[in-house]
Amino acid sequence: MVYTPRNCSIVVAVMTVGVSVGVIVGMLLSGVLCDHGFAGGWPSVFYVFGMIGCLWSGAWCLLVYDSPSTHPRISKAELRYWKRKTNKTDLVARPATPWRKLLTSIPVWALALAFFAFDWGRYTMVTCIPLFMHDVLGFDITENGVLSAVPFFATVFVVPLGWFADWLRSPGRMSTTVVRKVFCATGFTLAGCTLILTGYAGCNRDLAVALLFLASSGANISIPVVVVNQLDLAPLHAGKIMGLTNFVANVAQIVAVHVVGALTYERSTRSEWQNVFFVAAGVYAVGAIVFVIFGSGNRQSWADEGDIHTACVDREDITDDCHSNAIDKEVDTGECSL
């Protein structure tokens, strides 16, 4: 991913919209396919989504490249733009990873726990809300597919939220650290409180769906934190940090659904679901508290450590005949001799 440092929140927000769009389309289409699809109904869900995944994978392999300098179809004007707007070292560097400092970084683990809380709440809603709507609210399969998708229409707020986060980070307003902490605390608090209220909505279907929409909206407020903060901490190592934090978040995805199953095993009653929502709210609270205390939006001291090998790119022409430069901790201008 290539971005300008001051626009990283909105860039990642636009990319993240695709996740929620996939959830919305998947839920809407799954309900219809289960009732009216081929191969006996529900098997058609796996066939359709499997084929879509294969097509997407082919497009990814053909269209995605490591950096603008290696893309065969980029124009000279666009390449000059990225070189002008982006730190040249950040654009093409391949540094050695300071694993010990990365793995012992408190802000990294605070982010990992926030990501854990985000995915716990999100996958409680994605995988288990259809069960709640069926067992407690009494929706049939088609209605369930449509209404289970409604909370995820809150994704329309993700791009404006990303823009707003970047606007707040502009010079003279708020620091990146403050912005990230405010968004995390606000989003997790709203999501946790509305999930608890959902358990007490009674038989009011409209109110329950509206509260779930607000819970999803609250979770979306934290997106400019949990999937962007990696770039704040160490842009050159953001991929490794994303891998680590996403691994921790994947643990939440696995554990959350098992906890829901254990708590609703008896009869899947309203009181059992209230416990599910209290647990999710508690996880949100812990994630918010830890990130507010230990999180950071500052570039870490170890972010530029190690020898950085850069791929050289001519200012006017894209060429593969480049030399590699080793640069010190004080990264130089990145000028390349050809």
Protein backbone atom coordinates (compact mmCIF):
# COMPACT_ATOMS: atom_id res chain seq x y z
CA MET A 1 0.00 0.00 0.00
CA VAL A 2 1.29 3.46 -0.93
CA TYR A 3 0.02 6.51 0.88
CA THR A 4 0.98 10.02 1.90
CA PRO A 5 1.68 10.15 5.65
CA ARG A 6 -1.01 12.72 6.40
CA ASN A 7 -3.68 10.77 4.51
CA CYS A 8 -3.06 7.28 5.87
CA SER A 9 -6.33 7.15 7.87
CA ILE A 10 -8.60 7.84 4.91
CA VAL A 11 -6.61 5.55 2.59
CA VAL A 12 -6.95 2.61 4.97
CA ALA A 13 -10.59 3.53 5.67
CA VAL A 14 -11.42 3.28 1.96
CA MET A 15 -9.75 -0.12 1.80
CA THR A 16 -11.56 -1.30 4.93
CA VAL A 17 -14.95 -0.43 3.43
CA GLY A 18 -14.50 -3.47 1.21
CA VAL A 19 -14.61 -5.78 4.24
CA SER A 20 -17.99 -4.47 5.37
CA VAL A 21 -19.35 -4.43 1.83
CA GLY A 22 -18.38 -8.10 1.60
CA VAL A 23 -20.24 -8.83 4.85
CA ILE A 24 -23.34 -6.99 3.63
CA VAL A 25 -23.42 -8.69 0.23
CA GLY A 26 -22.56 -12.05 1.78
CA MET A 27 -25.38 -11.92 4.30
CA LEU A 28 -27.94 -10.66 1.80
CA LEU A 29 -26.96 -13.23 -0.81
CA SER A 30 -26.60 -16.12 1.65
CA GLY A 31 -30.19 -15.80 2.84
CA VAL A 32 -31.50 -15.82 -0.70
CA LEU A 33 -29.28 -18.73 -1.80
CA CYS A 34 -30.26 -20.84 1.22
CA ASP A 35 -33.93 -20.47 0.30
CA HIS A 36 -33.75 -20.43 -3.50
CA GLY A 37 -30.24 -21.48 -4.56
CA PHE A 38 -29.09 -24.48 -6.58
CA ALA A 39 -27.56 -27.75 -5.27
CA GLY A 40 -30.11 -28.00 -2.50
CA GLY A 41 -29.96 -24.43 -1.22
CA TRP A 42 -27.25 -23.88 1.37
CA PRO A 43 -24.42 -25.68 -0.57
CA SER A 44 -24.81 -23.05 -3.30
CA VAL A 45 -23.50 -20.43 -0.84
CA PHE A 46 -20.11 -22.17 -0.77
CA TYR A 47 -19.99 -22.68 -4.55
CA VAL A 48 -20.83 -19.05 -5.35
CA PHE A 49 -18.46 -17.49 -2.84
CA GLY A 50 -15.72 -19.96 -3.72
CA MET A 51 -15.89 -18.98 -7.40
CA ILE A 52 -15.85 -15.28 -6.51
CA GLY A 53 -12.75 -15.88 -4.37
CA CYS A 54 -10.95 -17.60 -7.24
CA LEU A 55 -11.72 -14.72 -9.63
CA TRP A 56 -10.55 -12.15 -7.09
CA SER A 57 -7.28 -14.03 -6.49
CA GLY A 58 -6.51 -14.01 -10.20
CA ALA A 59 -7.14 -10.27 -10.43
CA TRP A 60 -4.90 -9.65 -7.39
CA CYS A 61 -1.99 -11.57 -8.91
CA LEU A 62 -2.27 -9.64 -12.17
CA LEU A 63 -2.81 -6.12 -10.84
CA VAL A 64 -0.91 -5.77 -7.54
CA TYR A 65 2.81 -4.90 -7.25
CA ASP A 66 5.19 -4.16 -4.38
CA SER A 67 5.62 -0.45 -5.05
CA PRO A 68 4.97 2.22 -7.72
CA SER A 69 8.55 1.82 -8.95
CA THR A 70 7.91 -1.82 -9.89
CA HIS A 71 4.48 -1.34 -11.47
CA PRO A 72 4.75 -1.77 -15.25
CA ARG A 73 1.76 0.42 -16.08
CA ILE A 74 2.39 3.45 -13.87
CA SER A 75 2.83 6.74 -15.69
CA LYS A 76 5.91 8.91 -15.23
CA ALA A 77 3.74 11.71 -13.88
CA GLU A 78 2.21 9.48 -11.22
CA LEU A 79 5.60 8.07 -10.24
CA ARG A 80 6.97 11.61 -9.83
CA TYR A 81 3.95 12.45 -7.68
CA TRP A 82 4.64 9.59 -5.26
CA LYS A 83 8.32 10.46 -5.10
CA ARG A 84 7.41 14.05 -4.28
CA LYS A 85 4.68 13.30 -1.72
CA THR A 86 6.19 10.25 -0.01
CA ASN A 87 9.44 9.77 1.83
CA LYS A 88 11.54 8.03 -0.80
CA THR A 89 13.05 5.66 1.74
CA ASP A 90 9.61 4.65 3.04
CA LEU A 91 8.50 4.05 -0.55
CA VAL A 92 11.16 1.54 -1.59
CA ALA A 93 13.14 0.56 1.52
CA ARG A 94 13.64 -3.03 2.62
CA PRO A 95 15.09 -2.70 6.15
CA ALA A 96 16.19 -5.44 8.49
CA THR A 97 13.51 -5.97 11.15
CA PRO A 98 14.47 -5.19 14.78
CA TRP A 99 12.42 -8.13 16.04
CA ARG A 100 13.46 -7.93 19.67
CA LYS A 101 12.47 -4.28 20.01
CA LEU A 102 9.31 -4.77 17.97
CA LEU A 103 8.18 -7.73 20.09
CA THR A 104 8.93 -5.89 23.35
CA SER A 105 7.29 -2.62 22.29
CA ILE A 106 4.48 -1.65 24.67
CA PRO A 107 2.60 0.46 22.05
CA VAL A 108 2.64 -2.50 19.65
CA TRP A 109 1.08 -4.82 22.22
CA ALA A 110 -1.42 -2.14 23.26
CA LEU A 111 -2.48 -1.96 19.61
CA ALA A 112 -2.63 -5.76 19.44
CA LEU A 113 -5.01 -5.86 22.40
CA ALA A 114 -7.17 -3.10 20.87
CA PHE A 115 -7.29 -5.11 17.63
CA PHE A 116 -8.24 -8.18 19.72
CA ALA A 117 -11.15 -6.27 21.28
CA PHE A 118 -12.25 -4.91 17.88
CA ASP A 119 -12.37 -8.35 16.30
CA TRP A 120 -14.04 -9.91 19.34
CA GLY A 121 -16.96 -7.51 19.01
CA ARG A 122 -17.00 -7.56 15.23
CA TYR A 123 -17.05 -11.33 14.88
CA THR A 124 -19.59 -11.67 17.66
CA MET A 125 -21.82 -9.58 15.40
CA VAL A 126 -20.79 -11.07 12.06
CA THR A 127 -21.07 -14.76 12.97
CA CYS A 128 -23.52 -14.80 15.86
CA ILE A 129 -26.05 -12.00 15.31
CA PRO A 130 -27.92 -14.10 12.68
CA LEU A 131 -28.38 -16.72 15.43
CA PHE A 132 -29.61 -14.04 17.84
CA MET A 133 -32.07 -12.72 15.28
CA HIS A 134 -33.41 -16.21 14.60
CA ASP A 135 -33.57 -17.59 18.14
CA VAL A 136 -34.52 -14.46 20.08
CA LEU A 137 -36.14 -12.09 17.59
CA GLY A 138 -37.80 -14.82 15.51
CA PHE A 139 -36.77 -13.83 11.97
CA ASP A 140 -36.94 -16.45 9.20
CA ILE A 141 -33.92 -17.23 7.01
CA THR A 142 -34.52 -14.64 4.28
CA GLU A 143 -35.45 -11.89 6.75
CA ASN A 144 -32.47 -12.90 8.85
CA GLY A 145 -30.07 -12.49 5.92
CA VAL A 146 -31.41 -9.02 5.11
CA LEU A 147 -31.65 -7.68 8.66
CA SER A 148 -28.36 -9.21 9.81
CA ALA A 149 -26.72 -7.11 7.10
CA VAL A 150 -28.33 -3.86 8.30
CA PRO A 151 -25.82 -3.16 11.13
CA PHE A 152 -22.98 -3.33 8.64
CA PHE A 153 -24.42 -0.54 6.53
CA ALA A 154 -22.72 1.60 9.17
CA THR A 155 -19.67 1.17 6.96
CA VAL A 156 -20.84 4.33 5.12
CA PHE A 157 -19.30 6.26 8.03
CA VAL A 158 -15.84 4.70 7.69
CA VAL A 159 -14.50 6.96 4.92
CA PRO A 160 -15.74 10.22 6.55
CA LEU A 161 -14.24 9.02 9.83
CA GLY A 162 -10.90 8.41 8.14
CA TRP A 163 -10.98 11.88 6.60
CA PHE A 164 -11.93 13.41 9.96
CA ALA A 165 -9.07 11.61 11.73
CA ASP A 166 -6.57 12.95 9.19
CA TRP A 167 -8.07 16.45 9.46
CA LEU A 168 -7.65 16.38 13.25
CA ARG A 169 -4.02 15.28 12.78
CA SER A 170 -3.23 18.31 10.64
CA PRO A 171 -0.64 20.76 12.03
CA GLY A 172 -2.02 23.03 14.73
CA ARG A 173 -4.89 20.74 15.76
CA MET A 174 -4.28 17.48 17.65
CA SER A 175 -1.39 15.06 17.87
CA THR A 176 -1.68 11.66 16.23
CA THR A 177 -1.49 9.97 19.63
CA VAL A 178 -4.45 11.95 20.99
CA VAL A 179 -6.52 11.32 17.86
CA ARG A 180 -5.90 7.56 17.95
CA LYS A 181 -6.76 7.32 21.66
CA VAL A 182 -9.92 9.43 21.37
CA PHE A 183 -11.19 7.38 18.42
CA CYS A 184 -10.43 4.09 20.18
CA ALA A 185 -12.09 5.06 23.47
CA THR A 186 -15.13 6.61 21.80
CA GLY A 187 -15.71 3.74 19.39
CA PHE A 188 -15.30 0.96 21.92
CA THR A 189 -17.47 2.72 24.52
CA LEU A 190 -20.32 3.28 22.05
CA ALA A 191 -20.10 -0.30 20.72
CA GLY A 192 -20.02 -1.88 24.18
CA CYS A 193 -22.90 0.19 25.61
CA THR A 194 -25.20 -0.40 22.65
CA LEU A 195 -24.52 -4.15 22.68
CA ILE A 196 -25.58 -4.27 26.33
CA LEU A 197 -28.76 -2.32 25.51
CA THR A 198 -29.51 -4.76 22.67
CA GLY A 199 -29.89 -7.52 25.23
CA TYR A 200 -32.64 -5.51 26.94
CA ALA A 201 -34.54 -4.47 23.80
CA GLY A 202 -37.24 -7.03 24.57
CA CYS A 203 -39.33 -8.13 21.60
CA ASN A 204 -38.92 -4.80 19.84
CA ARG A 205 -37.27 -5.96 16.62
CA ASP A 206 -36.79 -2.47 15.21
CA LEU A 207 -35.08 -1.25 18.37
CA ALA A 208 -32.79 -4.29 18.47
CA VAL A 209 -31.71 -3.82 14.85
CA ALA A 210 -31.19 -0.07 15.43
CA LEU A 211 -29.02 -0.76 18.48
CA LEU A 212 -26.95 -3.28 16.54
CA PHE A 213 -26.50 -0.65 13.84
CA LEU A 214 -25.18 1.76 16.49
CA ALA A 215 -22.88 -0.95 17.87
CA SER A 216 -21.44 -1.50 14.41
CA SER A 217 -21.09 2.27 13.96
CA GLY A 218 -19.16 2.48 17.23
CA ALA A 219 -16.83 -0.31 16.16
CA ASN A 220 -16.22 1.53 12.88
CA ILE A 221 -15.05 4.61 14.79
CA SER A 222 -12.07 2.57 15.97
CA ILE A 223 -11.05 1.51 12.44
CA PRO A 224 -8.75 4.57 12.00
CA VAL A 225 -6.90 3.12 15.01
CA VAL A 226 -6.70 -0.66 14.79
CA VAL A 227 -5.78 -0.90 11.09
CA VAL A 228 -3.86 2.38 10.75
CA ASN A 229 -1.77 2.73 13.91
CA GLN A 230 0.75 0.20 12.53
CA LEU A 231 1.78 2.87 10.02
CA ASP A 232 2.20 5.45 12.77
CA LEU A 233 4.50 3.30 14.88
CA ALA A 234 6.92 2.10 12.19
CA PRO A 235 6.04 2.66 8.51
CA LEU A 236 8.94 0.52 7.27
CA HIS A 237 7.83 -2.38 9.48
CA ALA A 238 4.06 -1.88 9.26
CA GLY A 239 3.59 -5.21 7.48
CA LYS A 240 5.22 -7.14 10.31
CA ILE A 241 3.27 -5.21 12.95
CA MET A 242 0.05 -5.82 11.04
CA GLY A 243 0.87 -9.52 10.89
CA LEU A 244 1.46 -9.66 14.64
CA THR A 245 -1.59 -7.59 15.64
CA ASN A 246 -3.82 -9.39 13.15
CA PHE A 247 -2.66 -12.74 14.54
CA VAL A 248 -3.76 -11.63 18.02
CA ALA A 249 -7.06 -10.42 16.54
CA ASN A 250 -7.58 -13.78 14.83
CA VAL A 251 -7.37 -15.43 18.24
CA ALA A 252 -10.34 -13.25 19.25
CA GLN A 253 -12.26 -14.41 16.18
CA ILE A 254 -11.79 -18.04 17.22
CA VAL A 255 -12.40 -17.61 20.93
CA ALA A 256 -15.39 -15.24 20.61
CA VAL A 257 -17.57 -17.65 18.65
CA HIS A 258 -16.75 -20.49 21.06
CA VAL A 259 -17.65 -18.30 24.02
CA VAL A 260 -20.96 -17.41 22.36
CA GLY A 261 -21.62 -21.11 21.77
CA ALA A 262 -20.84 -21.95 25.39
CA LEU A 263 -23.02 -19.15 26.77
CA THR A 264 -26.02 -19.96 24.53
CA TYR A 265 -25.67 -23.75 24.57
CA GLU A 266 -28.67 -24.48 26.75
CA ARG A 267 -31.59 -22.73 25.02
CA SER A 268 -30.25 -19.61 23.27
CA THR A 269 -32.58 -17.43 25.34
CA ARG A 270 -32.61 -13.67 25.76
CA SER A 271 -30.92 -13.90 29.18
CA GLU A 272 -28.11 -16.02 27.72
CA TRP A 273 -27.58 -13.48 24.96
CA GLN A 274 -27.43 -10.71 27.54
CA ASN A 275 -24.38 -12.50 28.95
CA VAL A 276 -22.87 -12.65 25.46
CA PHE A 277 -23.24 -8.90 25.05
CA PHE A 278 -21.86 -8.19 28.54
CA VAL A 279 -18.74 -10.23 27.75
CA ALA A 280 -18.23 -8.38 24.45
CA ALA A 281 -18.68 -5.03 26.22
CA GLY A 282 -16.13 -6.09 28.85
CA VAL A 283 -13.59 -6.98 26.17
CA TYR A 284 -14.19 -3.60 24.51
CA ALA A 285 -13.62 -1.86 27.86
CA VAL A 286 -10.32 -3.64 28.50
CA GLY A 287 -9.11 -2.90 24.97
CA ALA A 288 -9.98 0.79 25.28
CA ILE A 289 -8.36 1.20 28.72
CA VAL A 290 -5.12 -0.52 27.69
CA PHE A 291 -4.79 1.48 24.46
CA VAL A 292 -5.57 4.81 26.12
CA ILE A 293 -2.88 4.16 28.75
CA PHE A 294 -0.18 2.47 26.68
CA GLY A 295 -0.99 3.23 23.03
CA SER A 296 0.91 5.73 20.90
CA GLY A 297 0.68 7.49 17.57
CA ASN A 298 4.35 8.42 17.44
CA ARG A 299 7.00 6.87 15.23
CA GLN A 300 8.96 4.57 17.50
CA SER A 301 12.67 5.00 18.20
CA TRP A 302 13.47 1.61 16.66
CA ALA A 303 11.42 2.25 13.50
CA ASP A 304 14.46 3.24 11.41
CA GLU A 305 17.05 0.91 12.92
CA GLY A 306 19.05 -1.55 10.84
CA ASP A 307 20.57 -1.34 7.38
CA ILE A 308 18.03 -0.16 4.86
CA HIS A 309 18.43 -1.37 1.31
CA THR A 310 16.59 0.76 -1.21
CA ALA A 311 15.62 0.07 -4.76
CA CYS A 312 16.75 3.00 -6.88
CA VAL A 313 14.44 4.66 -9.35
CA ASP A 314 15.45 7.22 -11.95
CA ARG A 315 13.63 10.53 -11.52
CA GLU A 316 12.39 10.51 -15.09
CA ASP A 317 12.34 6.88 -16.20
CA ILE A 318 11.46 3.60 -14.56
CA THR A 319 14.43 1.30 -14.79
CA ASP A 320 15.46 -2.00 -13.34
CA ASP A 321 19.19 -1.21 -13.62
CA CYS A 322 19.52 0.06 -10.07
CA HIS A 323 22.09 -0.19 -7.35
CA SER A 324 21.34 -0.76 -3.64
CA ASN A 325 22.36 1.77 -1.01
CA ALA A 326 22.87 1.15 2.70
CA ILE A 327 21.81 4.14 4.74
CA ASP A 328 22.33 4.99 8.37
CA LYS A 329 19.85 5.67 11.11
CA GLU A 330 19.76 9.26 9.91
CA VAL A 331 18.18 8.37 6.60
CA ASP A 332 19.64 10.48 3.84
CA THR A 333 17.69 11.99 0.99
CA GLY A 334 17.65 8.72 -0.91
CA GLU A 335 19.40 10.12 -4.00
CA CYS A 336 20.60 7.28 -6.21
CA SER A 337 23.62 7.17 -8.44
CA LEU A 338 22.97 5.30 -11.66
